[in-house]
Amino acid sequence: MVLLLQNCTVFDGRSAELQEGRTLVIEDGTIREIASAAFPIATETRCIDAGGRFVMPGLIDAHFHAYGLELNPALIDRVAPQLRALRAKKLLEEALQRGFTTVRDAAGGDLALATALHTGLIEGPRLFYPGLALSQTGGHGDLREPAHEGACACAYVGALSVVADGPTEVRKAVRDQLRTGAHQIKLFVSGGVLSPTDPIWMNQFSEEEIRAAVEEAATRRVYVMAHAHTNEAVLRCLRCGVRSIEHATLVESSGALAIAEHRAFAVPTLAIIDAIRSEGPSLGLPAAMKGKIAEIGDVANLSLERLRNANAMIGFGTDLLGHLMCRQSSEFHLRREVCTPIEILRSATSVNADLLQMAGKLGAIATGALADILVIDGNPLTDITVLERRDAIRVIIRDGRICKNDLDS
């Protein structure tokens, strides 16, 4: 069946100039044509009149945690796999209703979830998954408490991450994630906030280990995304060929310029920092974790400004966990302090599509693009916060399938 989305004011994912009076012709999950005049209506054609509203590509969150069930990641290991999947279903379905038609998972997302989404068992966004993220022993992804004593010398394997030490182990772990169809590989290359034993400033993985992961990812024509808060971690990643720098919260001008020069991507995640700082004591975080969030919270906007000044490619991510996931859309207003609405919109559409190696297919209203489309009440180019209101998102189409339509009600 052909779907016509008529009377659209189109933002194509890149240009600040809107195209008025357009009709989108959607067939077999793709945009077949963008017509500038009335389109003839044939039998077996469904029509939706956008009424001149703002029509844009579906949003992309490039740092999402489908299995991020608890704010303390260590607690996720205690949840039975079947229950993890059921709870992930709810998180994914809610993300779609916020307008996120694609998410890139940052740790633990797997073939089972991607298959359930693709086949319609879960009515959620398209999923790009890494399999288990890789951590060194005692790194950000090693979620054992300091007093933990295993019954054997086995490495840690959790719900979200696996420990690998040395280039040989790293290669084997990367190959195993690629075996399961991983779209990208995730490494932890600096310390993090929500982990028990590592300070933020800690370098993790040797450069030889990082290069091993990059080389193995390249064999499948995929790339490495790396958790890297500090400027030193960012520079180490870039020297080794990492393509996607996650957080970059403490990046300095030298790191921002290097990201731009290497044509890598930075994916700041302001939403999780703001959420933890806002909810503060009610979260019950240990003192060490509170200290780490204070260390990065005051400079996150400055780091984003440095990335913008360097003309680095800035993706859009949120990194939320547990009950904080409802704040996913807050990333829009948090970036207003530094970025313009058009820059934020591009980050959440065309820039993230470039990052996902899906330029022209995702994050775009264009002939041949996948039909991931939103119809919005209001104009995000003048008020980006309109995207934080679910009731303002009147139509959600993913893969040409209507997932929400309030215009016919």
Foldseek 3Di string as FASTA:
>chain_A
DKEKEFQEFEDFLADPHTQGGWIFIDDQQFGADIDNYDDDDDPPYHYDYLPNFYKFFFFEAAEDALLQAAPQVVVSQVDDPVVSLVSSLVLFLVVVLLRHQEYEYAFQDADVNQVCCVVVVRVGHHYQYAHHAEFAVLAQPQADAPPDDDPDPDWDDGNTHTHADDQVRLLVVLVVSVVRPHQEYEYEQAHDQNGHGGARHDGTDDLSNLLSNQVSCVVVPHFYEYAHQAQVSLVSNLVSPHAEYEAVLHHDLVSLLSLQVSLGEYEHALLALVVCVVCPVVSVDDPRSVVRSVVRNVRRLVSVQSNVVSVHLYAYHHNDHHPSSLCGLVSQVVNVVRDALSSNSSRRAQSVCVNSVNHPQTSGDDNPHRPFMWGFDDDCNVPVCSSSDSVRGAWTAHSNRTPHHNSVD
